[in-house]
């Protein structure tokens, strides 16, 4: 299950963490094994 998003009252900063800009899109898990990949939504549906 993808990690849920959390809202914090204060900005979070830690040298042990990497941060990136948030773009809107589709949350997915990518299962890669050998030369195959399945993209699965957070609700368990395949992204065809």
ModelCIF file with pLDDT and N, C-alpha, C, O atoms, coordinates in Angstrom:
data_MODEL
#
_entry.id   MODEL 
#
_entity.id                         1 
_entity.type                       polymer 
_entity.pdbx_number_of_molecules   1 
#
_entity_poly.entity_id                      1 
_entity_poly.type                           'polypeptide(L)' 
_entity_poly.nstd_linkage                   no 
_entity_poly.nstd_monomer                   no 
_entity_poly.pdbx_seq_one_letter_code       
;(UNK)(UNK)(UNK)(UNK)(UNK)(UNK)(UNK)(UNK)(UNK)(UNK)(UNK)(UNK)(UNK)(UNK)(UNK)(UNK)
(UNK)(UNK)(UNK)(UNK)(UNK)(UNK)(UNK)(UNK)(UNK)(UNK)(UNK)(UNK)(UNK)(UNK)(UNK)(UNK)
(UNK)(UNK)(UNK)(UNK)(UNK)(UNK)(UNK)(UNK)(UNK)(UNK)(UNK)(UNK)(UNK)(UNK)(UNK)(UNK)
;
_entity_poly.pdbx_seq_one_letter_code_can   XXXXXXXXXXXXXXXXXXXXXXXXXXXXXXXXXXXXXXXXXXXXXXXX 
_entity_poly.pdbx_strand_id                 A 
#
loop_
_entity_poly_seq.entity_id 
_entity_poly_seq.num 
_entity_poly_seq.mon_id 
_entity_poly_seq.hetero 
1 1  UNK n 
1 2  UNK n 
1 3  UNK n 
1 4  UNK n 
1 5  UNK n 
1 6  UNK n 
1 7  UNK n 
1 8  UNK n 
1 9  UNK n 
1 10 UNK n 
1 11 UNK n 
1 12 UNK n 
1 13 UNK n 
1 14 UNK n 
1 15 UNK n 
1 16 UNK n 
1 17 UNK n 
1 18 UNK n 
1 19 UNK n 
1 20 UNK n 
1 21 UNK n 
1 22 UNK n 
1 23 UNK n 
1 24 UNK n 
1 25 UNK n 
1 26 UNK n 
1 27 UNK n 
1 28 UNK n 
1 29 UNK n 
1 30 UNK n 
1 31 UNK n 
1 32 UNK n 
1 33 UNK n 
1 34 UNK n 
1 35 UNK n 
1 36 UNK n 
1 37 UNK n 
1 38 UNK n 
1 39 UNK n 
1 40 UNK n 
1 41 UNK n 
1 42 UNK n 
1 43 UNK n 
1 44 UNK n 
1 45 UNK n 
1 46 UNK n 
1 47 UNK n 
1 48 UNK n 
#
_struct_asym.id          A 
_struct_asym.entity_id   1 
#
loop_
_ma_qa_metric.id 
_ma_qa_metric.mode 
_ma_qa_metric.name 
_ma_qa_metric.software_group_id 
_ma_qa_metric.type 
1 global pLDDT . pLDDT 
2 local  pLDDT . pLDDT 
#
_ma_qa_metric_global.metric_id      1 
_ma_qa_metric_global.metric_value   86.54 
_ma_qa_metric_global.model_id       1 
_ma_qa_metric_global.ordinal_id     1 
#
loop_
_ma_qa_metric_local.label_asym_id 
_ma_qa_metric_local.label_comp_id 
_ma_qa_metric_local.label_seq_id 
_ma_qa_metric_local.metric_id 
_ma_qa_metric_local.metric_value 
_ma_qa_metric_local.model_id 
_ma_qa_metric_local.ordinal_id 
A UNK 1  2 75.00 1 1  
A UNK 2  2 71.00 1 2  
A UNK 3  2 73.00 1 3  
A UNK 4  2 77.00 1 4  
A UNK 5  2 75.00 1 5  
A UNK 6  2 79.00 1 6  
A UNK 7  2 81.00 1 7  
A UNK 8  2 80.00 1 8  
A UNK 9  2 85.00 1 9  
A UNK 10 2 84.00 1 10 
A UNK 11 2 79.00 1 11 
A UNK 12 2 79.00 1 12 
A UNK 13 2 83.00 1 13 
A UNK 14 2 86.00 1 14 
A UNK 15 2 90.00 1 15 
A UNK 16 2 92.00 1 16 
A UNK 17 2 86.00 1 17 
A UNK 18 2 85.00 1 18 
A UNK 19 2 82.00 1 19 
A UNK 20 2 78.00 1 20 
A UNK 21 2 75.00 1 21 
A UNK 22 2 76.00 1 22 
A UNK 23 2 82.00 1 23 
A UNK 24 2 87.00 1 24 
A UNK 25 2 92.00 1 25 
A UNK 26 2 92.00 1 26 
A UNK 27 2 90.00 1 27 
A UNK 28 2 94.00 1 28 
A UNK 29 2 94.00 1 29 
A UNK 30 2 96.00 1 30 
A UNK 31 2 95.00 1 31 
A UNK 32 2 96.00 1 32 
A UNK 33 2 94.00 1 33 
A UNK 34 2 86.00 1 34 
A UNK 35 2 90.00 1 35 
A UNK 36 2 94.00 1 36 
A UNK 37 2 96.00 1 37 
A UNK 38 2 95.00 1 38 
A UNK 39 2 96.00 1 39 
A UNK 40 2 94.00 1 40 
A UNK 41 2 92.00 1 41 
A UNK 42 2 84.00 1 42 
A UNK 43 2 85.00 1 43 
A UNK 44 2 88.00 1 44 
A UNK 45 2 92.00 1 45 
A UNK 46 2 94.00 1 46 
A UNK 47 2 94.00 1 47 
A UNK 48 2 91.00 1 48 
#
loop_
_atom_site.group_PDB 
_atom_site.id 
_atom_site.type_symbol 
_atom_site.label_atom_id 
_atom_site.label_alt_id 
_atom_site.label_comp_id 
_atom_site.label_asym_id 
_atom_site.label_entity_id 
_atom_site.label_seq_id 
_atom_site.pdbx_PDB_ins_code 
_atom_site.Cartn_x 
_atom_site.Cartn_y 
_atom_site.Cartn_z 
_atom_site.occupancy 
_atom_site.B_iso_or_equiv 
_atom_site.pdbx_formal_charge 
_atom_site.auth_seq_id 
_atom_site.auth_comp_id 
_atom_site.auth_asym_id 
_atom_site.auth_atom_id 
_atom_site.pdbx_PDB_model_num 
ATOM 1   N N  . UNK A 1 1  ? 0.852  -1.173 0.000   1.00 75.00 ? 1  UNK A N  1 
ATOM 2   C CA . UNK A 1 1  ? 0.000  0.000  0.000   1.00 75.00 ? 1  UNK A CA 1 
ATOM 3   C C  . UNK A 1 1  ? 0.892  1.228  0.000   1.00 75.00 ? 1  UNK A C  1 
ATOM 4   O O  . UNK A 1 1  ? 1.759  1.360  0.864   1.00 75.00 ? 1  UNK A O  1 
ATOM 5   N N  . UNK A 1 2  ? 0.691  2.144  -0.972  1.00 71.00 ? 2  UNK A N  1 
ATOM 6   C CA . UNK A 1 2  ? 1.507  3.361  -0.981  1.00 71.00 ? 2  UNK A CA 1 
ATOM 7   C C  . UNK A 1 2  ? 1.357  4.122  0.331   1.00 71.00 ? 2  UNK A C  1 
ATOM 8   O O  . UNK A 1 2  ? 0.295  4.101  0.953   1.00 71.00 ? 2  UNK A O  1 
ATOM 9   N N  . UNK A 1 3  ? 2.408  4.781  0.739   1.00 73.00 ? 3  UNK A N  1 
ATOM 10  C CA . UNK A 1 3  ? 2.369  5.559  1.967   1.00 73.00 ? 3  UNK A CA 1 
ATOM 11  C C  . UNK A 1 3  ? 1.394  6.716  1.816   1.00 73.00 ? 3  UNK A C  1 
ATOM 12  O O  . UNK A 1 3  ? 1.422  7.418  0.805   1.00 73.00 ? 3  UNK A O  1 
ATOM 13  N N  . UNK A 1 4  ? 0.526  6.926  2.813   1.00 77.00 ? 4  UNK A N  1 
ATOM 14  C CA . UNK A 1 4  ? -0.416 8.045  2.719   1.00 77.00 ? 4  UNK A CA 1 
ATOM 15  C C  . UNK A 1 4  ? 0.297  9.386  2.880   1.00 77.00 ? 4  UNK A C  1 
ATOM 16  O O  . UNK A 1 4  ? 1.334  9.484  3.537   1.00 77.00 ? 4  UNK A O  1 
ATOM 17  N N  . UNK A 1 5  ? -0.277 10.401 2.273   1.00 75.00 ? 5  UNK A N  1 
ATOM 18  C CA . UNK A 1 5  ? 0.262  11.749 2.417   1.00 75.00 ? 5  UNK A CA 1 
ATOM 19  C C  . UNK A 1 5  ? -0.133 12.296 3.785   1.00 75.00 ? 5  UNK A C  1 
ATOM 20  O O  . UNK A 1 5  ? -1.187 11.958 4.325   1.00 75.00 ? 5  UNK A O  1 
ATOM 21  N N  . UNK A 1 6  ? 0.721  13.137 4.327   1.00 79.00 ? 6  UNK A N  1 
ATOM 22  C CA . UNK A 1 6  ? 0.427  13.759 5.613   1.00 79.00 ? 6  UNK A CA 1 
ATOM 23  C C  . UNK A 1 6  ? 0.628  15.265 5.504   1.00 79.00 ? 6  UNK A C  1 
ATOM 24  O O  . UNK A 1 6  ? 1.510  15.734 4.784   1.00 79.00 ? 6  UNK A O  1 
ATOM 25  N N  . UNK A 1 7  ? -0.184 16.003 6.210   1.00 81.00 ? 7  UNK A N  1 
ATOM 26  C CA . UNK A 1 7  ? -0.023 17.451 6.275   1.00 81.00 ? 7  UNK A CA 1 
ATOM 27  C C  . UNK A 1 7  ? 0.543  17.797 7.642   1.00 81.00 ? 7  UNK A C  1 
ATOM 28  O O  . UNK A 1 7  ? 0.064  17.312 8.667   1.00 81.00 ? 7  UNK A O  1 
ATOM 29  N N  . UNK A 1 8  ? 1.559  18.633 7.646   1.00 80.00 ? 8  UNK A N  1 
ATOM 30  C CA . UNK A 1 8  ? 2.184  19.069 8.883   1.00 80.00 ? 8  UNK A CA 1 
ATOM 31  C C  . UNK A 1 8  ? 1.960  20.563 9.057   1.00 80.00 ? 8  UNK A C  1 
ATOM 32  O O  . UNK A 1 8  ? 1.830  21.300 8.080   1.00 80.00 ? 8  UNK A O  1 
ATOM 33  N N  . UNK A 1 9  ? 1.918  20.998 10.296  1.00 85.00 ? 9  UNK A N  1 
ATOM 34  C CA . UNK A 1 9  ? 1.731  22.428 10.578  1.00 85.00 ? 9  UNK A CA 1 
ATOM 35  C C  . UNK A 1 9  ? 2.995  23.228 10.285  1.00 85.00 ? 9  UNK A C  1 
ATOM 36  O O  . UNK A 1 9  ? 2.916  24.381 9.863   1.00 85.00 ? 9  UNK A O  1 
ATOM 37  N N  . UNK A 1 10 ? 4.144  22.629 10.502  1.00 84.00 ? 10 UNK A N  1 
ATOM 38  C CA . UNK A 1 10 ? 5.428  23.303 10.303  1.00 84.00 ? 10 UNK A CA 1 
ATOM 39  C C  . UNK A 1 10 ? 6.181  22.642 9.144   1.00 84.00 ? 10 UNK A C  1 
ATOM 40  O O  . UNK A 1 10 ? 6.017  21.445 8.910   1.00 84.00 ? 10 UNK A O  1 
ATOM 41  N N  . UNK A 1 11 ? 7.002  23.403 8.417   1.00 79.00 ? 11 UNK A N  1 
ATOM 42  C CA . UNK A 1 11 ? 7.833  22.784 7.367   1.00 79.00 ? 11 UNK A CA 1 
ATOM 43  C C  . UNK A 1 11 ? 8.773  21.748 7.974   1.00 79.00 ? 11 UNK A C  1 
ATOM 44  O O  . UNK A 1 11 ? 9.284  21.923 9.080   1.00 79.00 ? 11 UNK A O  1 
ATOM 45  N N  . UNK A 1 12 ? 8.989  20.674 7.233   1.00 79.00 ? 12 UNK A N  1 
ATOM 46  C CA . UNK A 1 12 ? 9.852  19.589 7.680   1.00 79.00 ? 12 UNK A CA 1 
ATOM 47  C C  . UNK A 1 12 ? 11.178 19.680 6.935   1.00 79.00 ? 12 UNK A C  1 
ATOM 48  O O  . UNK A 1 12 ? 11.202 19.856 5.717   1.00 79.00 ? 12 UNK A O  1 
ATOM 49  N N  . UNK A 1 13 ? 12.270 19.561 7.664   1.00 83.00 ? 13 UNK A N  1 
ATOM 50  C CA . UNK A 1 13 ? 13.582 19.578 7.039   1.00 83.00 ? 13 UNK A CA 1 
ATOM 51  C C  . UNK A 1 13 ? 14.493 18.649 7.827   1.00 83.00 ? 13 UNK A C  1 
ATOM 52  O O  . UNK A 1 13 ? 14.483 18.661 9.058   1.00 83.00 ? 13 UNK A O  1 
ATOM 53  N N  . UNK A 1 14 ? 15.272 17.854 7.132   1.00 86.00 ? 14 UNK A N  1 
ATOM 54  C CA . UNK A 1 14 ? 16.172 16.905 7.775   1.00 86.00 ? 14 UNK A CA 1 
ATOM 55  C C  . UNK A 1 14 ? 17.264 16.555 6.770   1.00 86.00 ? 14 UNK A C  1 
ATOM 56  O O  . UNK A 1 14 ? 16.948 16.245 5.621   1.00 86.00 ? 14 UNK A O  1 
ATOM 57  N N  . UNK A 1 15 ? 18.540 16.593 7.162   1.00 90.00 ? 15 UNK A N  1 
ATOM 58  C CA . UNK A 1 15 ? 19.615 16.282 6.211   1.00 90.00 ? 15 UNK A CA 1 
ATOM 59  C C  . UNK A 1 15 ? 19.601 14.827 5.731   1.00 90.00 ? 15 UNK A C  1 
ATOM 60  O O  . UNK A 1 15 ? 20.227 14.507 4.720   1.00 90.00 ? 15 UNK A O  1 
ATOM 61  N N  . UNK A 1 16 ? 18.896 13.948 6.442   1.00 92.00 ? 16 UNK A N  1 
ATOM 62  C CA . UNK A 1 16 ? 18.828 12.546 6.042   1.00 92.00 ? 16 UNK A CA 1 
ATOM 63  C C  . UNK A 1 16 ? 17.726 12.275 5.015   1.00 92.00 ? 16 UNK A C  1 
ATOM 64  O O  . UNK A 1 16 ? 17.577 11.141 4.558   1.00 92.00 ? 16 UNK A O  1 
ATOM 65  N N  . UNK A 1 17 ? 16.962 13.290 4.650   1.00 86.00 ? 17 UNK A N  1 
ATOM 66  C CA . UNK A 1 17 ? 15.852 13.129 3.720   1.00 86.00 ? 17 UNK A CA 1 
ATOM 67  C C  . UNK A 1 17 ? 16.120 13.913 2.435   1.00 86.00 ? 17 UNK A C  1 
ATOM 68  O O  . UNK A 1 17 ? 16.758 14.965 2.457   1.00 86.00 ? 17 UNK A O  1 
ATOM 69  N N  . UNK A 1 18 ? 15.619 13.381 1.312   1.00 85.00 ? 18 UNK A N  1 
ATOM 70  C CA . UNK A 1 18 ? 15.657 14.083 0.037   1.00 85.00 ? 18 UNK A CA 1 
ATOM 71  C C  . UNK A 1 18 ? 14.258 14.613 -0.247  1.00 85.00 ? 18 UNK A C  1 
ATOM 72  O O  . UNK A 1 18 ? 13.270 13.943 0.056   1.00 85.00 ? 18 UNK A O  1 
ATOM 73  N N  . UNK A 1 19 ? 14.163 15.789 -0.816  1.00 82.00 ? 19 UNK A N  1 
ATOM 74  C CA . UNK A 1 19 ? 12.873 16.395 -1.115  1.00 82.00 ? 19 UNK A CA 1 
ATOM 75  C C  . UNK A 1 19 ? 12.800 16.720 -2.598  1.00 82.00 ? 19 UNK A C  1 
ATOM 76  O O  . UNK A 1 19 ? 13.817 16.953 -3.251  1.00 82.00 ? 19 UNK A O  1 
ATOM 77  N N  . UNK A 1 20 ? 11.581 16.731 -3.113  1.00 78.00 ? 20 UNK A N  1 
ATOM 78  C CA . UNK A 1 20 ? 11.374 17.064 -4.517  1.00 78.00 ? 20 UNK A CA 1 
ATOM 79  C C  . UNK A 1 20 ? 10.089 17.872 -4.653  1.00 78.00 ? 20 UNK A C  1 
ATOM 80  O O  . UNK A 1 20 ? 9.250  17.872 -3.752  1.00 78.00 ? 20 UNK A O  1 
ATOM 81  N N  . UNK A 1 21 ? 9.941  18.558 -5.779  1.00 75.00 ? 21 UNK A N  1 
ATOM 82  C CA . UNK A 1 21 ? 8.713  19.284 -6.063  1.00 75.00 ? 21 UNK A CA 1 
ATOM 83  C C  . UNK A 1 21 ? 7.574  18.297 -6.253  1.00 75.00 ? 21 UNK A C  1 
ATOM 84  O O  . UNK A 1 21 ? 7.788  17.185 -6.735  1.00 75.00 ? 21 UNK A O  1 
ATOM 85  N N  . UNK A 1 22 ? 6.381  18.692 -5.882  1.00 76.00 ? 22 UNK A N  1 
ATOM 86  C CA . UNK A 1 22 ? 5.205  17.841 -6.045  1.00 76.00 ? 22 UNK A CA 1 
ATOM 87  C C  . UNK A 1 22 ? 4.472  18.234 -7.316  1.00 76.00 ? 22 UNK A C  1 
ATOM 88  O O  . UNK A 1 22 ? 4.005  19.366 -7.445  1.00 76.00 ? 22 UNK A O  1 
ATOM 89  N N  . UNK A 1 23 ? 4.371  17.298 -8.257  1.00 82.00 ? 23 UNK A N  1 
ATOM 90  C CA . UNK A 1 23 ? 3.608  17.491 -9.476  1.00 82.00 ? 23 UNK A CA 1 
ATOM 91  C C  . UNK A 1 23 ? 2.339  16.646 -9.388  1.00 82.00 ? 23 UNK A C  1 
ATOM 92  O O  . UNK A 1 23 ? 2.355  15.561 -8.805  1.00 82.00 ? 23 UNK A O  1 
ATOM 93  N N  . UNK A 1 24 ? 1.253  17.130 -9.956  1.00 87.00 ? 24 UNK A N  1 
ATOM 94  C CA . UNK A 1 24 ? 0.019  16.346 -9.967  1.00 87.00 ? 24 UNK A CA 1 
ATOM 95  C C  . UNK A 1 24 ? 0.099  15.263 -11.024 1.00 87.00 ? 24 UNK A C  1 
ATOM 96  O O  . UNK A 1 24 ? 0.563  15.495 -12.141 1.00 87.00 ? 24 UNK A O  1 
ATOM 97  N N  . UNK A 1 25 ? -0.351 14.100 -10.662 1.00 92.00 ? 25 UNK A N  1 
ATOM 98  C CA . UNK A 1 25 ? -0.339 12.976 -11.585 1.00 92.00 ? 25 UNK A CA 1 
ATOM 99  C C  . UNK A 1 25 ? -1.124 11.827 -10.996 1.00 92.00 ? 25 UNK A C  1 
ATOM 100 O O  . UNK A 1 25 ? -2.126 12.035 -10.312 1.00 92.00 ? 25 UNK A O  1 
ATOM 101 N N  . UNK A 1 26 ? -0.673 10.621 -11.259 1.00 92.00 ? 26 UNK A N  1 
ATOM 102 C CA . UNK A 1 26 ? -1.316 9.411  -10.778 1.00 92.00 ? 26 UNK A CA 1 
ATOM 103 C C  . UNK A 1 26 ? -0.359 8.665  -9.859  1.00 92.00 ? 26 UNK A C  1 
ATOM 104 O O  . UNK A 1 26 ? 0.747  8.317  -10.273 1.00 92.00 ? 26 UNK A O  1 
ATOM 105 N N  . UNK A 1 27 ? -0.765 8.415  -8.627  1.00 90.00 ? 27 UNK A N  1 
ATOM 106 C CA . UNK A 1 27 ? 0.048  7.658  -7.683  1.00 90.00 ? 27 UNK A CA 1 
ATOM 107 C C  . UNK A 1 27 ? 0.088  6.210  -8.132  1.00 90.00 ? 27 UNK A C  1 
ATOM 108 O O  . UNK A 1 27 ? -0.954 5.646  -8.465  1.00 90.00 ? 27 UNK A O  1 
ATOM 109 N N  . UNK A 1 28 ? 1.256  5.594  -8.152  1.00 94.00 ? 28 UNK A N  1 
ATOM 110 C CA . UNK A 1 28 ? 1.381  4.221  -8.642  1.00 94.00 ? 28 UNK A CA 1 
ATOM 111 C C  . UNK A 1 28 ? 2.517  3.488  -7.957  1.00 94.00 ? 28 UNK A C  1 
ATOM 112 O O  . UNK A 1 28 ? 3.488  4.088  -7.497  1.00 94.00 ? 28 UNK A O  1 
ATOM 113 N N  . UNK A 1 29 ? 2.369  2.180  -7.902  1.00 94.00 ? 29 UNK A N  1 
ATOM 114 C CA . UNK A 1 29 ? 3.456  1.279  -7.540  1.00 94.00 ? 29 UNK A CA 1 
ATOM 115 C C  . UNK A 1 29 ? 3.903  0.612  -8.839  1.00 94.00 ? 29 UNK A C  1 
ATOM 116 O O  . UNK A 1 29 ? 3.076  0.120  -9.606  1.00 94.00 ? 29 UNK A O  1 
ATOM 117 N N  . UNK A 1 30 ? 5.207  0.599  -9.078  1.00 96.00 ? 30 UNK A N  1 
ATOM 118 C CA . UNK A 1 30 ? 5.757  -0.061 -10.263 1.00 96.00 ? 30 UNK A CA 1 
ATOM 119 C C  . UNK A 1 30 ? 6.462  -1.323 -9.797  1.00 96.00 ? 30 UNK A C  1 
ATOM 120 O O  . UNK A 1 30 ? 7.477  -1.255 -9.103  1.00 96.00 ? 30 UNK A O  1 
ATOM 121 N N  . UNK A 1 31 ? 5.925  -2.472 -10.178 1.00 95.00 ? 31 UNK A N  1 
ATOM 122 C CA . UNK A 1 31 ? 6.544  -3.763 -9.871  1.00 95.00 ? 31 UNK A CA 1 
ATOM 123 C C  . UNK A 1 31 ? 7.401  -4.141 -11.070 1.00 95.00 ? 31 UNK A C  1 
ATOM 124 O O  . UNK A 1 31 ? 6.880  -4.409 -12.153 1.00 95.00 ? 31 UNK A O  1 
ATOM 125 N N  . UNK A 1 32 ? 8.714  -4.163 -10.877 1.00 96.00 ? 32 UNK A N  1 
ATOM 126 C CA . UNK A 1 32 ? 9.632  -4.499 -11.963 1.00 96.00 ? 32 UNK A CA 1 
ATOM 127 C C  . UNK A 1 32 ? 10.326 -5.804 -11.610 1.00 96.00 ? 32 UNK A C  1 
ATOM 128 O O  . UNK A 1 32 ? 10.907 -5.950 -10.534 1.00 96.00 ? 32 UNK A O  1 
ATOM 129 N N  . UNK A 1 33 ? 10.253 -6.749 -12.542 1.00 94.00 ? 33 UNK A N  1 
ATOM 130 C CA . UNK A 1 33 ? 10.929 -8.026 -12.363 1.00 94.00 ? 33 UNK A CA 1 
ATOM 131 C C  . UNK A 1 33 ? 11.475 -8.459 -13.714 1.00 94.00 ? 33 UNK A C  1 
ATOM 132 O O  . UNK A 1 33 ? 10.723 -8.646 -14.670 1.00 94.00 ? 33 UNK A O  1 
ATOM 133 N N  . UNK A 1 34 ? 12.806 -8.618 -13.781 1.00 86.00 ? 34 UNK A N  1 
ATOM 134 C CA . UNK A 1 34 ? 13.495 -8.916 -15.029 1.00 86.00 ? 34 UNK A CA 1 
ATOM 135 C C  . UNK A 1 34 ? 13.129 -7.850 -16.065 1.00 86.00 ? 34 UNK A C  1 
ATOM 136 O O  . UNK A 1 34 ? 13.449 -6.677 -15.868 1.00 86.00 ? 34 UNK A O  1 
ATOM 137 N N  . UNK A 1 35 ? 12.484 -8.218 -17.137 1.00 90.00 ? 35 UNK A N  1 
ATOM 138 C CA . UNK A 1 35 ? 12.161 -7.244 -18.178 1.00 90.00 ? 35 UNK A CA 1 
ATOM 139 C C  . UNK A 1 35 ? 10.687 -6.868 -18.203 1.00 90.00 ? 35 UNK A C  1 
ATOM 140 O O  . UNK A 1 35 ? 10.208 -6.318 -19.194 1.00 90.00 ? 35 UNK A O  1 
ATOM 141 N N  . UNK A 1 36 ? 9.962  -7.157 -17.130 1.00 94.00 ? 36 UNK A N  1 
ATOM 142 C CA . UNK A 1 36 ? 8.528  -6.869 -17.073 1.00 94.00 ? 36 UNK A CA 1 
ATOM 143 C C  . UNK A 1 36 ? 8.239  -5.811 -16.004 1.00 94.00 ? 36 UNK A C  1 
ATOM 144 O O  . UNK A 1 36 ? 8.929  -5.728 -14.988 1.00 94.00 ? 36 UNK A O  1 
ATOM 145 N N  . UNK A 1 37 ? 7.211  -5.013 -16.256 1.00 96.00 ? 37 UNK A N  1 
ATOM 146 C CA . UNK A 1 37 ? 6.803  -3.984 -15.302 1.00 96.00 ? 37 UNK A CA 1 
ATOM 147 C C  . UNK A 1 37 ? 5.285  -3.892 -15.284 1.00 96.00 ? 37 UNK A C  1 
ATOM 148 O O  . UNK A 1 37 ? 4.640  -3.841 -16.331 1.00 96.00 ? 37 UNK A O  1 
ATOM 149 N N  . UNK A 1 38 ? 4.724  -3.870 -14.084 1.00 95.00 ? 38 UNK A N  1 
ATOM 150 C CA . UNK A 1 38 ? 3.289  -3.628 -13.916 1.00 95.00 ? 38 UNK A CA 1 
ATOM 151 C C  . UNK A 1 38 ? 3.136  -2.360 -13.100 1.00 95.00 ? 38 UNK A C  1 
ATOM 152 O O  . UNK A 1 38 ? 3.801  -2.189 -12.078 1.00 95.00 ? 38 UNK A O  1 
ATOM 153 N N  . UNK A 1 39 ? 2.262  -1.472 -13.549 1.00 96.00 ? 39 UNK A N  1 
ATOM 154 C CA . UNK A 1 39 ? 1.959  -0.233 -12.842 1.00 96.00 ? 39 UNK A CA 1 
ATOM 155 C C  . UNK A 1 39 ? 0.596  -0.403 -12.194 1.00 96.00 ? 39 UNK A C  1 
ATOM 156 O O  . UNK A 1 39 ? -0.398 -0.645 -12.879 1.00 96.00 ? 39 UNK A O  1 
ATOM 157 N N  . UNK A 1 40 ? 0.550  -0.276 -10.863 1.00 94.00 ? 40 UNK A N  1 
ATOM 158 C CA . UNK A 1 40 ? -0.659 -0.521 -10.092 1.00 94.00 ? 40 UNK A CA 1 
ATOM 159 C C  . UNK A 1 40 ? -1.048 0.742  -9.343  1.00 94.00 ? 40 UNK A C  1 
ATOM 160 O O  . UNK A 1 40 ? -0.196 1.394  -8.738  1.00 94.00 ? 40 UNK A O  1 
ATOM 161 N N  . UNK A 1 41 ? -2.339 1.094  -9.379  1.00 92.00 ? 41 UNK A N  1 
ATOM 162 C CA . UNK A 1 41 ? -2.824 2.285  -8.678  1.00 92.00 ? 41 UNK A CA 1 
ATOM 163 C C  . UNK A 1 41 ? -2.885 2.039  -7.181  1.00 92.00 ? 41 UNK A C  1 
ATOM 164 O O  . UNK A 1 41 ? -2.746 0.903  -6.728  1.00 92.00 ? 41 UNK A O  1 
ATOM 165 N N  . UNK A 1 42 ? -3.092 3.098  -6.414  1.00 84.00 ? 42 UNK A N  1 
ATOM 166 C CA . UNK A 1 42 ? -3.178 2.943  -4.960  1.00 84.00 ? 42 UNK A CA 1 
ATOM 167 C C  . UNK A 1 42 ? -4.410 2.157  -4.550  1.00 84.00 ? 42 UNK A C  1 
ATOM 168 O O  . UNK A 1 42 ? -4.507 1.698  -3.412  1.00 84.00 ? 42 UNK A O  1 
ATOM 169 N N  . UNK A 1 43 ? -5.362 1.998  -5.480  1.00 85.00 ? 43 UNK A N  1 
ATOM 170 C CA . UNK A 1 43 ? -6.555 1.184  -5.216  1.00 85.00 ? 43 UNK A CA 1 
ATOM 171 C C  . UNK A 1 43 ? -6.407 -0.242 -5.732  1.00 85.00 ? 43 UNK A C  1 
ATOM 172 O O  . UNK A 1 43 ? -7.351 -1.028 -5.662  1.00 85.00 ? 43 UNK A O  1 
ATOM 173 N N  . UNK A 1 44 ? -5.221 -0.581 -6.252  1.00 88.00 ? 44 UNK A N  1 
ATOM 174 C CA . UNK A 1 44 ? -4.961 -1.944 -6.709  1.00 88.00 ? 44 UNK A CA 1 
ATOM 175 C C  . UNK A 1 44 ? -5.328 -2.216 -8.153  1.00 88.00 ? 44 UNK A C  1 
ATOM 176 O O  . UNK A 1 44 ? -5.327 -3.372 -8.576  1.00 88.00 ? 44 UNK A O  1 
ATOM 177 N N  . UNK A 1 45 ? -5.644 -1.180 -8.925  1.00 92.00 ? 45 UNK A N  1 
ATOM 178 C CA . UNK A 1 45 ? -5.987 -1.354 -10.337 1.00 92.00 ? 45 UNK A CA 1 
ATOM 179 C C  . UNK A 1 45 ? -4.751 -1.215 -11.220 1.00 92.00 ? 45 UNK A C  1 
ATOM 180 O O  . UNK A 1 45 ? -3.841 -0.446 -10.910 1.00 92.00 ? 45 UNK A O  1 
ATOM 181 N N  . UNK A 1 46 ? -4.724 -1.962 -12.318 1.00 94.00 ? 46 UNK A N  1 
ATOM 182 C CA . UNK A 1 46 ? -3.614 -1.856 -13.268 1.00 94.00 ? 46 UNK A CA 1 
ATOM 183 C C  . UNK A 1 46 ? -3.780 -0.614 -14.126 1.00 94.00 ? 46 UNK A C  1 
ATOM 184 O O  . UNK A 1 46 ? -4.887 -0.284 -14.551 1.00 94.00 ? 46 UNK A O  1 
ATOM 185 N N  . UNK A 1 47 ? -2.665 0.077  -14.379 1.00 94.00 ? 47 UNK A N  1 
ATOM 186 C CA . UNK A 1 47 ? -2.654 1.218  -15.286 1.00 94.00 ? 47 UNK A CA 1 
ATOM 187 C C  . UNK A 1 47 ? -2.313 0.697  -16.683 1.00 94.00 ? 47 UNK A C  1 
ATOM 188 O O  . UNK A 1 47 ? -1.143 0.473  -16.990 1.00 94.00 ? 47 UNK A O  1 
ATOM 189 N N  . UNK A 1 48 ? -3.314 0.505  -17.518 1.00 91.00 ? 48 UNK A N  1 
ATOM 190 C CA . UNK A 1 48 ? -3.087 0.047  -18.881 1.00 91.00 ? 48 UNK A CA 1 
ATOM 191 C C  . UNK A 1 48 ? -2.752 1.176  -19.837 1.00 91.00 ? 48 UNK A C  1 
ATOM 192 O O  . UNK A 1 48 ? -2.535 0.935  -21.025 1.00 91.00 ? 48 UNK A O  1 
#
